[in-house]
Structure formats: structure tokens, C-alpha cells
PDB file of N, CA and C in Angstrom:
ATOM      1  N   MET A   1      81.098 109.333 127.270  1.00  0.00           N
ATOM      2  CA  MET A   1      81.016 107.885 127.374  1.00  0.00           C
ATOM      3  C   MET A   1      82.117 107.263 126.517  1.00  0.00           C
ATOM      4  N   ALA A   2      82.686 106.180 127.005  1.00  0.00           N
ATOM      5  CA  ALA A   2      83.766 105.491 126.295  1.00  0.00           C
ATOM      6  C   ALA A   2      83.244 104.813 125.037  1.00  0.00           C
ATOM      7  N   GLN A   3      84.120 104.652 124.064  1.00  0.00           N
ATOM      8  CA  GLN A   3      83.786 103.945 122.822  1.00  0.00           C
ATOM      9  C   GLN A   3      83.459 102.489 123.142  1.00  0.00           C
ATOM     10  N   THR A   4      82.368 101.986 122.583  1.00  0.00           N
ATOM     11  CA  THR A   4      82.044 100.571 122.711  1.00  0.00           C
ATOM     12  C   THR A   4      82.004  99.949 121.327  1.00  0.00           C
ATOM     13  N   TYR A   5      82.164  98.654 121.292  1.00  0.00           N
ATOM     14  CA  TYR A   5      82.280  97.922 120.036  1.00  0.00           C
ATOM     15  C   TYR A   5      81.332  96.730 120.022  1.00  0.00           C
ATOM     16  N   ASP A   6      81.064  96.215 118.839  1.00  0.00           N
ATOM     17  CA  ASP A   6      80.430  94.917 118.680  1.00  0.00           C
ATOM     18  C   ASP A   6      81.544  93.913 118.438  1.00  0.00           C
ATOM     19  N   VAL A   7      81.220  92.642 118.591  1.00  0.00           N
ATOM     20  CA  VAL A   7      82.194  91.583 118.337  1.00  0.00           C
ATOM     21  C   VAL A   7      81.566  90.590 117.367  1.00  0.00           C
ATOM     22  N   ILE A   8      82.270  90.330 116.280  1.00  0.00           N
ATOM     23  CA  ILE A   8      81.839  89.319 115.314  1.00  0.00           C
ATOM     24  C   ILE A   8      82.466  87.999 115.743  1.00  0.00           C
ATOM     25  N   VAL A   9      81.630  86.995 115.947  1.00  0.00           N
ATOM     26  CA  VAL A   9      82.066  85.654 116.348  1.00  0.00           C
ATOM     27  C   VAL A   9      81.932  84.756 115.121  1.00  0.00           C
ATOM     28  N   THR A  10      83.021  84.111 114.711  1.00  0.00           N
ATOM     29  CA  THR A  10      83.009  83.252 113.528  1.00  0.00           C
ATOM     30  C   THR A  10      83.658  81.914 113.850  1.00  0.00           C
ATOM     31  N   VAL A  11      83.011  80.833 113.409  1.00  0.00           N
ATOM     32  CA  VAL A  11      83.593  79.504 113.575  1.00  0.00           C
ATOM     33  C   VAL A  11      84.722  79.343 112.560  1.00  0.00           C
ATOM     34  N   THR A  12      85.935  79.070 113.045  1.00  0.00           N
ATOM     35  CA  THR A  12      87.087  78.905 112.151  1.00  0.00           C
ATOM     36  C   THR A  12      87.539  77.454 112.035  1.00  0.00           C
ATOM     37  N   SER A  13      87.115  76.615 112.977  1.00  0.00           N
ATOM     38  CA  SER A  13      87.488  75.206 112.951  1.00  0.00           C
ATOM     39  C   SER A  13      86.458  74.416 113.747  1.00  0.00           C
ATOM     40  N   GLN A  14      86.176  73.204 113.293  1.00  0.00           N
ATOM     41  CA  GLN A  14      85.243  72.338 114.020  1.00  0.00           C
ATOM     42  C   GLN A  14      85.646  70.898 113.770  1.00  0.00           C
ATOM     43  N   LYS A  15      85.876  70.153 114.850  1.00  0.00           N
ATOM     44  CA  LYS A  15      86.276  68.747 114.739  1.00  0.00           C
ATOM     45  C   LYS A  15      85.234  67.881 115.438  1.00  0.00           C
ATOM     46  N   GLY A  16      85.007  66.700 114.923  1.00  0.00           N
ATOM     47  CA  GLY A  16      84.004  65.831 115.507  1.00  0.00           C
ATOM     48  C   GLY A  16      82.611  66.284 115.097  1.00  0.00           C
ATOM     49  N   LYS A  17      81.648  66.128 116.001  1.00  0.00           N
ATOM     50  CA  LYS A  17      80.269  66.503 115.710  1.00  0.00           C
ATOM     51  C   LYS A  17      79.783  67.483 116.769  1.00  0.00           C
ATOM     52  N   CYS A  18      79.583  68.709 116.369  1.00  0.00           N
ATOM     53  CA  CYS A  18      79.052  69.732 117.269  1.00  0.00           C
ATOM     54  C   CYS A  18      77.579  69.427 117.537  1.00  0.00           C
ATOM     55  N   SER A  19      77.210  69.325 118.801  1.00  0.00           N
ATOM     56  CA  SER A  19      75.825  68.984 119.147  1.00  0.00           C
ATOM     57  C   SER A  19      74.833  70.087 118.767  1.00  0.00           C
ATOM     58  N   HIS A  20      75.337  71.277 118.500  1.00  0.00           N
ATOM     59  CA  HIS A  20      74.466  72.376 118.076  1.00  0.00           C
ATOM     60  C   HIS A  20      74.554  72.636 116.576  1.00  0.00           C
ATOM     61  N   GLY A  21      75.357  71.832 115.888  1.00  0.00           N
ATOM     62  CA  GLY A  21      75.438  71.947 114.441  1.00  0.00           C
ATOM     63  C   GLY A  21      76.286  73.101 113.929  1.00  0.00           C
ATOM     64  N   HIS A  22      77.098  73.701 114.791  1.00  0.00           N
ATOM     65  CA  HIS A  22      77.964  74.786 114.320  1.00  0.00           C
ATOM     66  C   HIS A  22      78.980  74.229 113.331  1.00  0.00           C
ATOM     67  N   LYS A  23      79.267  75.018 112.291  1.00  0.00           N
ATOM     68  CA  LYS A  23      80.228  74.602 111.272  1.00  0.00           C
ATOM     69  C   LYS A  23      81.071  75.794 110.848  1.00  0.00           C
ATOM     70  N   VAL A  24      82.204  75.502 110.234  1.00  0.00           N
ATOM     71  CA  VAL A  24      83.120  76.548 109.789  1.00  0.00           C
ATOM     72  C   VAL A  24      82.355  77.541 108.910  1.00  0.00           C
ATOM     73  N   GLY A  25      82.561  78.813 109.218  1.00  0.00           N
ATOM     74  CA  GLY A  25      81.910  79.888 108.473  1.00  0.00           C
ATOM     75  C   GLY A  25      80.697  80.482 109.170  1.00  0.00           C
ATOM     76  N   ASP A  26      80.097  79.740 110.121  1.00  0.00           N
ATOM     77  CA  ASP A  26      78.974  80.308 110.877  1.00  0.00           C
ATOM     78  C   ASP A  26      79.448  81.573 111.581  1.00  0.00           C
ATOM     79  N   SER A  27      78.568  82.579 111.661  1.00  0.00           N
ATOM     80  CA  SER A  27      78.979  83.853 112.232  1.00  0.00           C
ATOM     81  C   SER A  27      77.802  84.531 112.931  1.00  0.00           C
ATOM     82  N   TRP A  28      78.117  85.267 113.989  1.00  0.00           N
ATOM     83  CA  TRP A  28      77.133  86.030 114.740  1.00  0.00           C
ATOM     84  C   TRP A  28      77.748  87.375 115.101  1.00  0.00           C
ATOM     85  N   ARG A  29      76.897  88.386 115.188  1.00  0.00           N
ATOM     86  CA  ARG A  29      77.333  89.699 115.655  1.00  0.00           C
ATOM     87  C   ARG A  29      76.812  89.858 117.083  1.00  0.00           C
ATOM     88  N   VAL A  30      77.726  90.101 118.018  1.00  0.00           N
ATOM     89  CA  VAL A  30      77.354  90.252 119.416  1.00  0.00           C
ATOM     90  C   VAL A  30      77.432  91.734 119.766  1.00  0.00           C
ATOM     91  N   GLY A  31      76.290  92.271 120.125  1.00  0.00           N
ATOM     92  CA  GLY A  31      76.212  93.662 120.574  1.00  0.00           C
ATOM     93  C   GLY A  31      75.718  93.670 122.007  1.00  0.00           C
ATOM     94  N   GLY A  32      74.518  94.181 122.201  1.00  0.00           N
ATOM     95  CA  GLY A  32      73.962  94.252 123.543  1.00  0.00           C
ATOM     96  C   GLY A  32      73.028  93.106 123.879  1.00  0.00           C
ATOM     97  N   THR A  33      72.822  92.183 122.945  1.00  0.00           N
ATOM     98  CA  THR A  33      71.908  91.073 123.207  1.00  0.00           C
ATOM     99  C   THR A  33      72.569  89.744 122.858  1.00  0.00           C
ATOM    100  N   THR A  34      71.974  88.664 123.332  1.00  0.00           N
ATOM    101  CA  THR A  34      72.470  87.326 123.054  1.00  0.00           C
ATOM    102  C   THR A  34      72.163  86.965 121.608  1.00  0.00           C
ATOM    103  N   PRO A  35      73.154  86.506 120.851  1.00  0.00           N
ATOM    104  CA  PRO A  35      72.920  86.155 119.454  1.00  0.00           C
ATOM    105  C   PRO A  35      72.117  84.864 119.308  1.00  0.00           C
ATOM    106  N   ALA A  36      71.090  84.899 118.486  1.00  0.00           N
ATOM    107  CA  ALA A  36      70.242  83.725 118.260  1.00  0.00           C
ATOM    108  C   ALA A  36      71.042  82.598 117.625  1.00  0.00           C
ATOM    109  N   GLY A  37      70.840  81.390 118.129  1.00  0.00           N
ATOM    110  CA  GLY A  37      71.445  80.208 117.527  1.00  0.00           C
ATOM    111  C   GLY A  37      72.825  79.849 118.027  1.00  0.00           C
ATOM    112  N   LEU A  38      73.432  80.678 118.857  1.00  0.00           N
ATOM    113  CA  LEU A  38      74.773  80.368 119.363  1.00  0.00           C
ATOM    114  C   LEU A  38      74.641  79.498 120.612  1.00  0.00           C
ATOM    115  N   CYS A  39      75.342  78.389 120.628  1.00  0.00           N
ATOM    116  CA  CYS A  39      75.344  77.453 121.754  1.00  0.00           C
ATOM    117  C   CYS A  39      75.673  78.195 123.057  1.00  0.00           C
ATOM    118  N   LEU A  40      74.886  77.955 124.102  1.00  0.00           N
ATOM    119  CA  LEU A  40      75.108  78.642 125.371  1.00  0.00           C
ATOM    120  C   LEU A  40      76.422  78.250 126.035  1.00  0.00           C
ATOM    121  N   SER A  41      76.866  77.018 125.853  1.00  0.00           N
ATOM    122  CA  SER A  41      78.153  76.605 126.428  1.00  0.00           C
ATOM    123  C   SER A  41      79.302  77.353 125.759  1.00  0.00           C
ATOM    124  N   ALA A  42      79.221  77.508 124.445  1.00  0.00           N
ATOM    125  CA  ALA A  42      80.249  78.265 123.719  1.00  0.00           C
ATOM    126  C   ALA A  42      80.191  79.739 124.118  1.00  0.00           C
ATOM    127  N   LEU A  43      78.983  80.285 124.212  1.00  0.00           N
ATOM    128  CA  LEU A  43      78.840  81.685 124.623  1.00  0.00           C
ATOM    129  C   LEU A  43      79.432  81.894 126.004  1.00  0.00           C
ATOM    130  N   ASP A  44      79.165  80.959 126.910  1.00  0.00           N
ATOM    131  CA  ASP A  44      79.714  81.065 128.261  1.00  0.00           C
ATOM    132  C   ASP A  44      81.241  81.065 128.232  1.00  0.00           C
ATOM    133  N   ALA A  45      81.835  80.239 127.371  1.00  0.00           N
ATOM    134  CA  ALA A  45      83.296  80.159 127.276  1.00  0.00           C
ATOM    135  C   ALA A  45      83.910  81.447 126.743  1.00  0.00           C
ATOM    136  N   MET A  46      83.172  82.160 125.909  1.00  0.00           N
ATOM    137  CA  MET A  46      83.738  83.358 125.268  1.00  0.00           C
ATOM    138  C   MET A  46      83.268  84.668 125.867  1.00  0.00           C
ATOM    139  N   LEU A  47      82.284  84.641 126.756  1.00  0.00           N
ATOM    140  CA  LEU A  47      81.641  85.878 127.194  1.00  0.00           C
ATOM    141  C   LEU A  47      82.600  86.871 127.845  1.00  0.00           C
ATOM    142  N   THR A  48      83.508  86.405 128.685  1.00  0.00           N
ATOM    143  CA  THR A  48      84.471  87.323 129.311  1.00  0.00           C
ATOM    144  C   THR A  48      85.316  88.019 128.252  1.00  0.00           C
ATOM    145  N   ASN A  49      85.759  87.270 127.243  1.00  0.00           N
ATOM    146  CA  ASN A  49      86.560  87.868 126.168  1.00  0.00           C
ATOM    147  C   ASN A  49      85.721  88.844 125.348  1.00  0.00           C
ATOM    148  N   VAL A  50      84.479  88.466 125.047  1.00  0.00           N
ATOM    149  CA  VAL A  50      83.594  89.350 124.276  1.00  0.00           C
ATOM    150  C   VAL A  50      83.409  90.669 125.019  1.00  0.00           C
ATOM    151  N   ARG A  51      83.068  90.600 126.300  1.00  0.00           N
ATOM    152  CA  ARG A  51      82.830  91.826 127.073  1.00  0.00           C
ATOM    153  C   ARG A  51      84.094  92.678 127.160  1.00  0.00           C
ATOM    154  N   THR A  52      85.240  92.044 127.341  1.00  0.00           N
ATOM    155  CA  THR A  52      86.503  92.788 127.379  1.00  0.00           C
ATOM    156  C   THR A  52      86.708  93.535 126.070  1.00  0.00           C
ATOM    157  N   MET A  53      86.487  92.852 124.954  1.00  0.00           N
ATOM    158  CA  MET A  53      86.690  93.466 123.641  1.00  0.00           C
ATOM    159  C   MET A  53      85.660  94.563 123.361  1.00  0.00           C
ATOM    160  N   GLN A  54      84.430  94.397 123.852  1.00  0.00           N
ATOM    161  CA  GLN A  54      83.399  95.405 123.626  1.00  0.00           C
ATOM    162  C   GLN A  54      83.772  96.749 124.250  1.00  0.00           C
ATOM    163  N   PHE A  55      84.560  96.727 125.308  1.00  0.00           N
ATOM    164  CA  PHE A  55      84.923  97.957 125.990  1.00  0.00           C
ATOM    165  C   PHE A  55      86.379  98.362 125.770  1.00  0.00           C
ATOM    166  N   GLY A  56      86.996  97.832 124.699  1.00  0.00           N
ATOM    167  CA  GLY A  56      88.314  98.286 124.288  1.00  0.00           C
ATOM    168  C   GLY A  56      89.485  97.548 124.884  1.00  0.00           C
ATOM    169  N   GLY A  57      89.230  96.497 125.667  1.00  0.00           N
ATOM    170  CA  GLY A  57      90.320  95.743 126.277  1.00  0.00           C
ATOM    171  C   GLY A  57      91.076  94.899 125.267  1.00  0.00           C
ATOM    172  N   GLU A  58      92.272  94.511 125.655  1.00  0.00           N
ATOM    173  CA  GLU A  58      93.140  93.702 124.795  1.00  0.00           C
ATOM    174  C   GLU A  58      93.697  92.528 125.588  1.00  0.00           C
ATOM    175  N   PHE A  59      94.211  91.537 124.862  1.00  0.00           N
ATOM    176  CA  PHE A  59      94.808  90.361 125.473  1.00  0.00           C
ATOM    177  C   PHE A  59      96.282  90.303 125.063  1.00  0.00           C
ATOM    178  N   PRO A  60      97.210  90.272 126.017  1.00  0.00           N
ATOM    179  CA  PRO A  60      98.633  90.326 125.688  1.00  0.00           C
ATOM    180  C   PRO A  60      99.138  89.133 124.891  1.00  0.00           C
ATOM    181  N   TRP A  61      98.426  88.012 124.903  1.00  0.00           N
ATOM    182  CA  TRP A  61      98.853  86.808 124.168  1.00  0.00           C
ATOM    183  C   TRP A  61      98.388  86.810 122.719  1.00  0.00           C
ATOM    184  N   GLU A  62      97.535  87.751 122.338  1.00  0.00           N
ATOM    185  CA  GLU A  62      97.059  87.849 120.952  1.00  0.00           C
ATOM    186  C   GLU A  62      97.918  88.848 120.190  1.00  0.00           C
ATOM    187  N   SER A  63      98.273  88.539 118.955  1.00  0.00           N
ATOM    188  CA  SER A  63      99.119  89.440 118.162  1.00  0.00           C
ATOM    189  C   SER A  63      98.330  90.622 117.601  1.00  0.00           C
ATOM    190  N   ASP A  64      97.020  90.484 117.451  1.00  0.00           N
ATOM    191  CA  ASP A  64      96.160  91.552 116.935  1.00  0.00           C
ATOM    192  C   ASP A  64      95.203  91.951 118.058  1.00  0.00           C
ATOM    193  N   PRO A  65      95.233  93.211 118.511  1.00  0.00           N
ATOM    194  CA  PRO A  65      94.382  93.621 119.623  1.00  0.00           C
ATOM    195  C   PRO A  65      92.886  93.551 119.317  1.00  0.00           C
ATOM    196  N   ASP A  66      92.521  93.457 118.057  1.00  0.00           N
ATOM    197  CA  ASP A  66      91.112  93.397 117.663  1.00  0.00           C
ATOM    198  C   ASP A  66      90.623  91.984 117.381  1.00  0.00           C
ATOM    199  N   ARG A  67      91.434  90.976 117.700  1.00  0.00           N
ATOM    200  CA  ARG A  67      91.050  89.577 117.454  1.00  0.00           C
ATOM    201  C   ARG A  67      91.435  88.711 118.656  1.00  0.00           C
ATOM    202  N   ALA A  68      90.633  87.671 118.867  1.00  0.00           N
ATOM    203  CA  ALA A  68      90.932  86.689 119.915  1.00  0.00           C
ATOM    204  C   ALA A  68      90.387  85.346 119.450  1.00  0.00           C
ATOM    205  N   THR A  69      90.935  84.279 119.999  1.00  0.00           N
ATOM    206  CA  THR A  69      90.497  82.928 119.669  1.00  0.00           C
ATOM    207  C   THR A  69      89.997  82.262 120.938  1.00  0.00           C
ATOM    208  N   VAL A  70      88.834  81.599 120.819  1.00  0.00           N
ATOM    209  CA  VAL A  70      88.227  80.906 121.954  1.00  0.00           C
ATOM    210  C   VAL A  70      87.752  79.539 121.461  1.00  0.00           C
ATOM    211  N   VAL A  71      87.865  78.532 122.320  1.00  0.00           N
ATOM    212  CA  VAL A  71      87.417  77.175 121.984  1.00  0.00           C
ATOM    213  C   VAL A  71      86.267  76.804 122.912  1.00  0.00           C
ATOM    214  N   CYS A  72      85.245  76.149 122.351  1.00  0.00           N
ATOM    215  CA  CYS A  72      84.125  75.696 123.171  1.00  0.00           C
ATOM    216  C   CYS A  72      84.620  74.652 124.173  1.00  0.00           C
ATOM    217  N   PRO A  73      83.859  74.397 125.236  1.00  0.00           N
ATOM    218  CA  PRO A  73      84.331  73.481 126.279  1.00  0.00           C
ATOM    219  C   PRO A  73      84.195  71.997 125.971  1.00  0.00           C
ATOM    220  N   ASP A  74      83.662  71.612 124.818  1.00  0.00           N
ATOM    221  CA  ASP A  74      83.516  70.195 124.470  1.00  0.00           C
ATOM    222  C   ASP A  74      84.834  69.689 123.888  1.00  0.00           C
ATOM    223  N   ALA A  75      85.680  69.124 124.728  1.00  0.00           N
ATOM    224  CA  ALA A  75      87.017  68.706 124.305  1.00  0.00           C
ATOM    225  C   ALA A  75      86.993  67.594 123.260  1.00  0.00           C
ATOM    226  N   ALA A  76      85.942  66.784 123.241  1.00  0.00           N
ATOM    227  CA  ALA A  76      85.853  65.688 122.275  1.00  0.00           C
ATOM    228  C   ALA A  76      85.411  66.171 120.893  1.00  0.00           C
ATOM    229  N   ASN A  77      84.760  67.332 120.843  1.00  0.00           N
ATOM    230  CA  ASN A  77      84.234  67.885 119.588  1.00  0.00           C
ATOM    231  C   ASN A  77      84.464  69.394 119.557  1.00  0.00           C
ATOM    232  N   PRO A  78      85.721  69.831 119.599  1.00  0.00           N
ATOM    233  CA  PRO A  78      85.984  71.257 119.761  1.00  0.00           C
ATOM    234  C   PRO A  78      85.575  72.110 118.562  1.00  0.00           C
ATOM    235  N   VAL A  79      84.955  73.218 118.893  1.00  0.00           N
ATOM    236  CA  VAL A  79      84.643  74.251 117.906  1.00  0.00           C
ATOM    237  C   VAL A  79      85.495  75.460 118.277  1.00  0.00           C
ATOM    238  N   VAL A  80      86.257  75.982 117.309  1.00  0.00           N
ATOM    239  CA  VAL A  80      87.122  77.130 117.543  1.00  0.00           C
ATOM    240  C   VAL A  80      86.439  78.361 116.961  1.00  0.00           C
ATOM    241  N   PHE A  81      86.384  79.420 117.757  1.00  0.00           N
ATOM    242  CA  PHE A  81      85.751  80.668 117.358  1.00  0.00           C
ATOM    243  C   PHE A  81      86.776  81.792 117.302  1.00  0.00           C
ATOM    244  N   GLU A  82      86.694  82.609 116.271  1.00  0.00           N
ATOM    245  CA  GLU A  82      87.467  83.850 116.218  1.00  0.00           C
ATOM    246  C   GLU A  82      86.543  84.966 116.651  1.00  0.00           C
ATOM    247  N   LEU A  83      87.031  85.812 117.556  1.00  0.00           N
ATOM    248  CA  LEU A  83      86.317  87.004 117.976  1.00  0.00           C
ATOM    249  C   LEU A  83      87.003  88.189 117.314  1.00  0.00           C
ATOM    250  N   ARG A  84      86.223  89.028 116.650  1.00  0.00           N
ATOM    251  CA  ARG A  84      86.793  90.198 115.964  1.00  0.00           C
ATOM    252  C   ARG A  84      86.021  91.438 116.380  1.00  0.00           C
ATOM    253  N   ARG A  85      86.730  92.413 116.923  1.00  0.00           N
ATOM    254  CA  ARG A  85      86.130  93.664 117.374  1.00  0.00           C
ATOM    255  C   ARG A  85      85.854  94.562 116.169  1.00  0.00           C
ATOM    256  N   VAL A  86      84.640  95.145 116.135  1.00  0.00           N
ATOM    257  CA  VAL A  86      84.269  96.069 115.057  1.00  0.00           C
ATOM    258  C   VAL A  86      83.536  97.261 115.666  1.00  0.00           C
ATOM    259  N   LYS A  87      83.609  98.398 114.991  1.00  0.00           N
ATOM    260  CA  LYS A  87      82.882  99.587 115.454  1.00  0.00           C
ATOM    261  C   LYS A  87      81.391  99.384 115.289  1.00  0.00           C
ATOM    262  N   ARG A  88      80.634  99.933 116.191  1.00  0.00           N
ATOM    263  CA  ARG A  88      79.163  99.871 116.102  1.00  0.00           C
ATOM    264  C   ARG A  88      78.664 100.781 115.029  1.00  0.00           C
TER     265      ARG A  88
END
């Protein structure tokens, strides 16, 4: 079986007022289940990247293959998340 990873999701920037109360420094570990307390809209925006990273994929636009940046879909109150791949 191929190596799989968990992904640590951390809020790195937040402007305006997040309707779910996310703030810089909030963090979740994403493995095989949905992380408690993470906004579903933000999760939806990052899920493809999370799944790609869990199975060893990389993004050519990122300088570090173990990190990615995703922004929630609320353009008026953007929350920026860093995704970091870690071994299980």
C-alpha cells in the first residue's frame, strides 16, 4: 500500500469577520475524518488539495511540496489556510 499522510490545516491570515470565528493560529489535523469545528465552506475549498497531499501529490506552483495555501470562499472576509503534509 502507498504511503499516506495527514494534513495539518492552520489559519495564517484572517481579514474582516469570519462567520465561524476562525482566527490566526487555529489548527486542525485532517486524517480520515472531518475535523471538528472547521467551517464546511472552507473545508470544501481545500478538500481537493488535502486529498492530493494525503496521497503524496504535489502542486507545481508551490515552492515546498509539503505545503499549500488555500483561501476560504468568502471574498469579503477571507481566511487563509496553510496545508502542511505530515507522516501519520
